Amino acid sequence: MKVSVFYNGEKHESFPPSATVKRILKWAIKAFNITPADAADMLLALKGNVNDELPLDAHIGSFTNHNECAVSLCLTAPVEVNG
C-alpha cells in the first residue's frame, strides 16, 4: 500500500498493510532527515486530523479506506499548552 507522509514537503513509500505505525514513523524521521533530538517527540496522525495521534503498535492497513490502498499521514509534534 502507498503511504504518503507530509512534513515540510511530502514523501511516499510502499508498506505492507501489516506494517506498524512505529515502523512508518521511523522511516519518516529518516526520510525527512530529522535530528534525534527533534525526533524524540514526533508522532504520526491522519492527514486532516492532526490532533489524533496514531498508536505506534497499530497496523497501517487499519487506517485505509476499503476502496483505496493508500493512506496520507502528517508527521508532527504534540501540541504543548503553556499556561
Protein backbone atom coordinates (compact mmCIF):
# COMPACT_ATOMS: atom_id res chain seq x y z
CA MET A 1 0.00 0.00 0.00
CA LYS A 2 1.14 3.55 -0.67
CA VAL A 3 1.88 5.67 2.39
CA SER A 4 2.31 9.43 2.00
CA VAL A 5 3.79 11.45 4.84
CA PHE A 6 3.65 15.25 4.93
CA TYR A 7 6.20 17.34 6.83
CA ASN A 8 7.76 20.36 5.13
CA GLY A 9 7.07 18.53 1.90
CA GLU A 10 5.84 15.07 1.02
CA LYS A 11 7.48 11.63 0.93
CA HIS A 12 5.99 8.37 -0.38
CA GLU A 13 6.84 4.76 0.32
CA SER A 14 5.14 1.40 -0.08
CA PHE A 15 4.49 -0.69 3.03
CA PRO A 16 2.51 -3.86 3.61
CA PRO A 17 -0.82 -3.27 5.40
CA SER A 18 0.64 -5.14 8.38
CA ALA A 19 3.40 -2.55 8.88
CA THR A 20 3.12 -0.81 12.23
CA VAL A 21 2.81 2.92 12.72
CA LYS A 22 6.10 2.74 14.64
CA ARG A 23 7.89 1.34 11.58
CA ILE A 24 6.49 4.08 9.36
CA LEU A 25 7.38 6.75 11.93
CA LYS A 26 11.00 5.55 11.95
CA TRP A 27 11.08 5.62 8.15
CA ALA A 28 9.55 9.14 8.00
CA ILE A 29 12.03 10.54 10.53
CA LYS A 30 14.89 9.20 8.44
CA ALA A 31 13.32 10.28 5.11
CA PHE A 32 12.96 13.89 6.30
CA ASN A 33 16.43 13.94 7.93
CA ILE A 34 15.07 14.89 11.35
CA THR A 35 17.66 15.09 14.11
CA PRO A 36 17.42 12.62 17.01
CA ALA A 37 16.67 15.49 19.41
CA ASP A 38 13.74 16.69 17.29
CA ALA A 39 12.58 13.15 16.52
CA ALA A 40 12.08 12.26 20.18
CA ASP A 41 8.65 13.95 20.30
CA MET A 42 7.44 13.24 16.76
CA LEU A 43 4.24 11.33 16.04
CA LEU A 44 2.05 10.40 13.10
CA ALA A 45 -1.57 11.43 12.60
CA LEU A 46 -4.00 11.03 9.74
CA LYS A 47 -3.85 13.97 7.34
CA GLY A 48 -6.77 16.25 8.11
CA ASN A 49 -6.97 15.09 11.73
CA VAL A 50 -3.58 16.00 13.21
CA ASN A 51 -4.88 16.14 16.78
CA ASP A 52 -5.35 12.36 16.96
CA GLU A 53 -2.05 10.53 17.37
CA LEU A 54 -1.92 7.09 15.78
CA PRO A 55 -1.00 4.27 18.20
CA LEU A 56 2.53 3.01 17.50
CA ASP A 57 1.53 -0.65 17.60
CA ALA A 58 -1.40 -0.25 15.17
CA HIS A 59 -1.21 -1.75 11.67
CA ILE A 60 -1.27 0.93 8.98
CA GLY A 61 -3.77 -1.06 6.92
CA SER A 62 -6.43 -0.43 9.57
CA PHE A 63 -6.44 3.29 8.65
CA THR A 64 -7.20 2.88 4.95
CA ASN A 65 -10.49 3.20 3.18
CA HIS A 66 -11.69 -0.15 1.82
CA ASN A 67 -11.79 1.32 -1.71
CA GLU A 68 -8.22 2.59 -1.59
CA CYS A 69 -4.88 1.03 -0.88
CA ALA A 70 -3.26 4.25 0.33
CA VAL A 71 -3.10 6.46 3.40
CA SER A 72 -1.95 10.05 3.95
CA LEU A 73 -0.29 10.96 7.23
CA CYS A 74 1.20 14.03 8.87
CA LEU A 75 4.42 13.90 10.82
CA THR A 76 4.06 16.31 13.70
CA ALA A 77 4.94 17.02 17.32
CA PRO A 78 2.39 17.07 20.14
CA VAL A 79 0.75 20.42 20.81
CA GLU A 80 2.01 21.87 24.07
CA VAL A 81 -0.19 24.25 26.00
CA ASN A 82 1.66 26.80 28.09
CA GLY A 83 -0.32 28.32 30.83
